[in-house]
Structures are given as C-alpha cells and as structure tokens.
Amino acid sequence: MRIVRRAVAGDAPALARIESDSPSAAGWGLAGFESEFRQERALTLVLEEDGSVAAFACARFLPPEGQLLNMACEPQSRRRGVATLLLNALFPALESHGCDVVTLEVRASNIAALGCYGKAGFRIVGRRPKFYNGTEDAILMDARLNHEK
C-alpha cells in the first residue's frame, strides 16, 4: 500500500539513503536533510510503500511562490507513478501555504524528470547555462497552482 505523508525528522536517514542512490538529486546528505527539518518554511513529503519510505519531495514556500528543491525515488520505485503521487500531494500542500506557483530547476540531461514534470503541468521558462559544475545546463520550470475556492 502507498501513502503520502509529511516527513518527520526521523525520516532523515531514509531520505539520505534514497538520495545517495539518485545521482541527479541535490546531494544534501544526512546533514542537509536534518537541517531542512529545522527550516521554518520547509515542506517535505514522503511516499511510503508497504511501510517503508520509497521517495521524497522537499519544497520551500515563500508565498506566492513555492520551490521544489529536491526529489528522488528508490531505484525500484522509479517509473511507477511515485513522483506523480508526490507532486499531486505537494501542489495542494503548497497552495494551503498561499502559493500560486511552484518553481524548480533540473539538469538538462535528466530526461525522465523533465518528462515527469511536464506531465505534472510544469513548463520550461528558462535555462541557466553550465549551472551544474560549470558543465551542464539547468532547465528552469514552473507550474501554476489551481485555487479552487
């Protein structure tokens, strides 16, 4: 069974483990995740499969904007709709904090992520040449949030 929930500080080791198996993730490591849990405007969601954390999405909110900072799935959970489930939960959570738009940056070579984000409603809005280690471009994307009130 899959559930999406708000992450707690005790999830940090699992998040660091998942991230270490994801070369395109942000590379925060355990200390970075522990620090993230102390941030006032941080929102981290996890997806559990059969009781174990299988994926995460870390965002920050500064209304009217939210920013997706780090997201990864365990290798065996990839291409199974896990990221879509996380994004479907993240969008209303950011809306509840007053956000109208979500932004992100992704490596130009991360074709799987670009496809996933496109399906979730993100559109390309810019590019940062040689952003990653002076060699790889960052693609800038955003998605408008729907306020159904």
C-alpha atoms as a PDB file:
ATOM      1  CA  MET A   1       0.000   0.000   0.000  1.00  0.00           C
ATOM      2  CA  ARG A   2       1.204   3.523  -0.808  1.00  0.00           C
ATOM      3  CA  ILE A   3       0.678   6.563   1.388  1.00  0.00           C
ATOM      4  CA  VAL A   4       1.968  10.111   1.153  1.00  0.00           C
ATOM      5  CA  ARG A   5       2.601  11.919   4.426  1.00  0.00           C
ATOM      6  CA  ARG A   6       4.526  14.850   5.807  1.00  0.00           C
ATOM      7  CA  ALA A   7       8.062  13.808   6.657  1.00  0.00           C
ATOM      8  CA  VAL A   8       9.377  13.901  10.215  1.00  0.00           C
ATOM      9  CA  ALA A   9      12.949  14.404  11.423  1.00  0.00           C
ATOM     10  CA  GLY A  10      13.308  10.658  11.987  1.00  0.00           C
ATOM     11  CA  ASP A  11      12.936  10.139   8.223  1.00  0.00           C
ATOM     12  CA  ALA A  12      16.239  11.934   7.500  1.00  0.00           C
ATOM     13  CA  PRO A  13      18.388   8.744   7.296  1.00  0.00           C
ATOM     14  CA  ALA A  14      15.965   7.155   4.809  1.00  0.00           C
ATOM     15  CA  LEU A  15      15.902  10.333   2.701  1.00  0.00           C
ATOM     16  CA  ALA A  16      19.715  10.482   2.646  1.00  0.00           C
ATOM     17  CA  ARG A  17      19.867   6.816   1.618  1.00  0.00           C
ATOM     18  CA  ILE A  18      17.390   7.319  -1.240  1.00  0.00           C
ATOM     19  CA  GLU A  19      19.213  10.444  -2.376  1.00  0.00           C
ATOM     20  CA  SER A  20      22.564   8.613  -2.391  1.00  0.00           C
ATOM     21  CA  ASP A  21      21.084   6.171  -4.934  1.00  0.00           C
ATOM     22  CA  SER A  22      19.944   9.085  -7.138  1.00  0.00           C
ATOM     23  CA  PRO A  23      22.876  10.756  -8.908  1.00  0.00           C
ATOM     24  CA  SER A  24      20.713  13.618 -10.202  1.00  0.00           C
ATOM     25  CA  ALA A  25      19.319  14.530  -6.751  1.00  0.00           C
ATOM     26  CA  ALA A  26      20.578  17.608  -4.930  1.00  0.00           C
ATOM     27  CA  GLY A  27      23.236  15.826  -2.876  1.00  0.00           C
ATOM     28  CA  TRP A  28      22.304  17.169   0.561  1.00  0.00           C
ATOM     29  CA  GLY A  29      23.347  14.114   2.543  1.00  0.00           C
ATOM     30  CA  LEU A  30      22.134  13.366   6.052  1.00  0.00           C
ATOM     31  CA  ALA A  31      23.227  16.728   7.478  1.00  0.00           C
ATOM     32  CA  GLY A  32      21.362  18.572   4.730  1.00  0.00           C
ATOM     33  CA  PHE A  33      18.122  16.734   5.440  1.00  0.00           C
ATOM     34  CA  GLU A  34      18.497  17.258   9.177  1.00  0.00           C
ATOM     35  CA  SER A  35      18.980  20.975   8.518  1.00  0.00           C
ATOM     36  CA  GLU A  36      15.944  21.065   6.240  1.00  0.00           C
ATOM     37  CA  PHE A  37      13.709  19.840   9.059  1.00  0.00           C
ATOM     38  CA  ARG A  38      14.714  22.912  11.072  1.00  0.00           C
ATOM     39  CA  GLN A  39      13.690  25.371   8.334  1.00  0.00           C
ATOM     40  CA  GLU A  40      10.519  27.312   9.102  1.00  0.00           C
ATOM     41  CA  ARG A  41       9.238  27.405   5.527  1.00  0.00           C
ATOM     42  CA  ALA A  42      10.203  23.859   4.553  1.00  0.00           C
ATOM     43  CA  LEU A  43       7.722  21.234   3.426  1.00  0.00           C
ATOM     44  CA  THR A  44       8.949  17.679   2.946  1.00  0.00           C
ATOM     45  CA  LEU A  45       6.643  14.875   1.871  1.00  0.00           C
ATOM     46  CA  VAL A  46       7.457  11.187   1.741  1.00  0.00           C
ATOM     47  CA  LEU A  47       5.790   8.323  -0.030  1.00  0.00           C
ATOM     48  CA  GLU A  48       5.727   5.052   1.852  1.00  0.00           C
ATOM     49  CA  GLU A  49       5.304   1.723   0.112  1.00  0.00           C
ATOM     50  CA  ASP A  50       4.394  -1.139   2.415  1.00  0.00           C
ATOM     51  CA  GLY A  51       5.585   0.824   5.449  1.00  0.00           C
ATOM     52  CA  SER A  52       8.987   1.915   4.100  1.00  0.00           C
ATOM     53  CA  VAL A  53       9.935   5.333   2.748  1.00  0.00           C
ATOM     54  CA  ALA A  54      10.367   4.946  -1.018  1.00  0.00           C
ATOM     55  CA  ALA A  55      10.501   8.569  -2.209  1.00  0.00           C
ATOM     56  CA  PHE A  56      10.553  12.165  -1.059  1.00  0.00           C
ATOM     57  CA  ALA A  57       9.927  15.704  -2.246  1.00  0.00           C
ATOM     58  CA  CYS A  58      11.399  18.721  -0.441  1.00  0.00           C
ATOM     59  CA  ALA A  59       9.999  22.178  -1.094  1.00  0.00           C
ATOM     60  CA  ARG A  60      10.063  25.620   0.434  1.00  0.00           C
ATOM     61  CA  PHE A  61       7.254  28.137   0.458  1.00  0.00           C
ATOM     62  CA  LEU A  62       7.513  31.901   0.379  1.00  0.00           C
ATOM     63  CA  PRO A  63       4.099  32.939  -0.899  1.00  0.00           C
ATOM     64  CA  PRO A  64       3.146  33.432  -3.590  1.00  0.00           C
ATOM     65  CA  GLU A  65       5.910  31.033  -4.694  1.00  0.00           C
ATOM     66  CA  GLY A  66       6.873  27.527  -3.735  1.00  0.00           C
ATOM     67  CA  GLN A  67      10.088  25.910  -4.889  1.00  0.00           C
ATOM     68  CA  LEU A  68      10.720  22.212  -5.332  1.00  0.00           C
ATOM     69  CA  LEU A  69      14.308  21.784  -4.122  1.00  0.00           C
ATOM     70  CA  ASN A  70      15.000  18.061  -4.004  1.00  0.00           C
ATOM     71  CA  MET A  71      13.099  14.964  -5.088  1.00  0.00           C
ATOM     72  CA  ALA A  72      14.101  11.332  -5.506  1.00  0.00           C
ATOM     73  CA  CYS A  73      12.736   7.792  -5.559  1.00  0.00           C
ATOM     74  CA  GLU A  74      14.313   4.466  -4.679  1.00  0.00           C
ATOM     75  CA  PRO A  75      15.525   2.756  -7.865  1.00  0.00           C
ATOM     76  CA  GLN A  76      12.871   0.001  -7.649  1.00  0.00           C
ATOM     77  CA  SER A  77      10.107   2.630  -7.318  1.00  0.00           C
ATOM     78  CA  ARG A  78      11.025   4.636 -10.423  1.00  0.00           C
ATOM     79  CA  ARG A  79       8.683   4.810 -13.407  1.00  0.00           C
ATOM     80  CA  ARG A  80       5.796   3.516 -11.283  1.00  0.00           C
ATOM     81  CA  GLY A  81       3.926   6.783 -10.689  1.00  0.00           C
ATOM     82  CA  VAL A  82       5.574   7.536  -7.344  1.00  0.00           C
ATOM     83  CA  ALA A  83       6.828  11.006  -8.321  1.00  0.00           C
ATOM     84  CA  THR A  84       3.404  11.865  -9.738  1.00  0.00           C
ATOM     85  CA  LEU A  85       1.736  10.891  -6.456  1.00  0.00           C
ATOM     86  CA  LEU A  86       4.168  13.097  -4.537  1.00  0.00           C
ATOM     87  CA  LEU A  87       3.597  16.076  -6.836  1.00  0.00           C
ATOM     88  CA  ASN A  88      -0.180  15.577  -6.635  1.00  0.00           C
ATOM     89  CA  ALA A  89       0.120  15.877  -2.843  1.00  0.00           C
ATOM     90  CA  LEU A  90       2.707  18.663  -2.902  1.00  0.00           C
ATOM     91  CA  PHE A  91       0.663  21.068  -5.025  1.00  0.00           C
ATOM     92  CA  PRO A  92      -2.320  21.396  -2.644  1.00  0.00           C
ATOM     93  CA  ALA A  93       0.029  21.484   0.356  1.00  0.00           C
ATOM     94  CA  LEU A  94       1.841  24.471  -1.153  1.00  0.00           C
ATOM     95  CA  GLU A  95      -1.487  26.081  -2.043  1.00  0.00           C
ATOM     96  CA  SER A  96      -2.526  25.790   1.602  1.00  0.00           C
ATOM     97  CA  HIS A  97       0.524  27.911   2.439  1.00  0.00           C
ATOM     98  CA  GLY A  98      -0.586  30.624  -0.022  1.00  0.00           C
ATOM     99  CA  CYS A  99       1.473  29.647  -3.059  1.00  0.00           C
ATOM    100  CA  ASP A 100       0.225  30.308  -6.592  1.00  0.00           C
ATOM    101  CA  VAL A 101       3.178  28.834  -8.488  1.00  0.00           C
ATOM    102  CA  VAL A 102       5.828  26.146  -7.964  1.00  0.00           C
ATOM    103  CA  THR A 103       9.286  26.523  -9.492  1.00  0.00           C
ATOM    104  CA  LEU A 104      12.178  24.110  -9.910  1.00  0.00           C
ATOM    105  CA  GLU A 105      15.423  23.578 -11.738  1.00  0.00           C
ATOM    106  CA  VAL A 106      16.516  20.281 -13.232  1.00  0.00           C
ATOM    107  CA  ARG A 107      19.574  19.041 -15.086  1.00  0.00           C
ATOM    108  CA  ALA A 108      19.124  19.231 -18.848  1.00  0.00           C
ATOM    109  CA  SER A 109      20.261  15.600 -19.092  1.00  0.00           C
ATOM    110  CA  ASN A 110      17.574  14.334 -16.688  1.00  0.00           C
ATOM    111  CA  ILE A 111      15.110  13.336 -19.387  1.00  0.00           C
ATOM    112  CA  ALA A 112      12.986  11.191 -17.056  1.00  0.00           C
ATOM    113  CA  ALA A 113      12.486  14.101 -14.630  1.00  0.00           C
ATOM    114  CA  LEU A 114      11.738  16.553 -17.444  1.00  0.00           C
ATOM    115  CA  GLY A 115       9.037  14.191 -18.711  1.00  0.00           C
ATOM    116  CA  CYS A 116       7.569  13.670 -15.252  1.00  0.00           C
ATOM    117  CA  TYR A 117       7.472  17.393 -14.531  1.00  0.00           C
ATOM    118  CA  GLY A 118       5.925  18.123 -17.927  1.00  0.00           C
ATOM    119  CA  LYS A 119       3.133  15.617 -17.262  1.00  0.00           C
ATOM    120  CA  ALA A 120       2.535  17.257 -13.871  1.00  0.00           C
ATOM    121  CA  GLY A 121       1.938  20.634 -15.526  1.00  0.00           C
ATOM    122  CA  PHE A 122       5.370  22.233 -15.344  1.00  0.00           C
ATOM    123  CA  ARG A 123       6.553  24.248 -18.333  1.00  0.00           C
ATOM    124  CA  ILE A 124      10.056  25.322 -19.272  1.00  0.00           C
ATOM    125  CA  VAL A 125      10.590  29.013 -18.523  1.00  0.00           C
ATOM    126  CA  GLY A 126      14.355  29.381 -18.808  1.00  0.00           C
ATOM    127  CA  ARG A 127      17.821  27.896 -18.792  1.00  0.00           C
ATOM    128  CA  ARG A 128      20.971  28.501 -16.740  1.00  0.00           C
ATOM    129  CA  PRO A 129      23.942  27.640 -18.956  1.00  0.00           C
ATOM    130  CA  LYS A 130      26.645  25.477 -17.361  1.00  0.00           C
ATOM    131  CA  PHE A 131      24.964  25.780 -13.952  1.00  0.00           C
ATOM    132  CA  TYR A 132      25.997  22.362 -12.655  1.00  0.00           C
ATOM    133  CA  ASN A 133      29.756  22.243 -12.068  1.00  0.00           C
ATOM    134  CA  GLY A 134      30.332  24.573 -14.985  1.00  0.00           C
ATOM    135  CA  THR A 135      29.388  21.865 -17.468  1.00  0.00           C
ATOM    136  CA  GLU A 136      25.665  21.157 -17.538  1.00  0.00           C
ATOM    137  CA  ASP A 137      22.698  23.466 -18.058  1.00  0.00           C
ATOM    138  CA  ALA A 138      19.871  23.794 -15.567  1.00  0.00           C
ATOM    139  CA  ILE A 139      16.372  23.898 -17.023  1.00  0.00           C
ATOM    140  CA  LEU A 140      14.039  26.234 -15.126  1.00  0.00           C
ATOM    141  CA  MET A 141      10.396  25.196 -14.899  1.00  0.00           C
ATOM    142  CA  ASP A 142       7.235  26.381 -13.207  1.00  0.00           C
ATOM    143  CA  ALA A 143       3.677  25.189 -12.687  1.00  0.00           C
ATOM    144  CA  ARG A 144       0.685  27.347 -11.823  1.00  0.00           C
ATOM    145  CA  LEU A 145      -1.413  26.059  -8.971  1.00  0.00           C
ATOM    146  CA  ASN A 146      -5.187  25.884  -9.266  1.00  0.00           C
ATOM    147  CA  HIS A 147      -7.049  27.599  -6.486  1.00  0.00           C
ATOM    148  CA  GLU A 148     -10.493  26.029  -6.415  1.00  0.00           C
ATOM    149  CA  LYS A 149     -12.389  28.047  -3.865  1.00  0.00           C
END
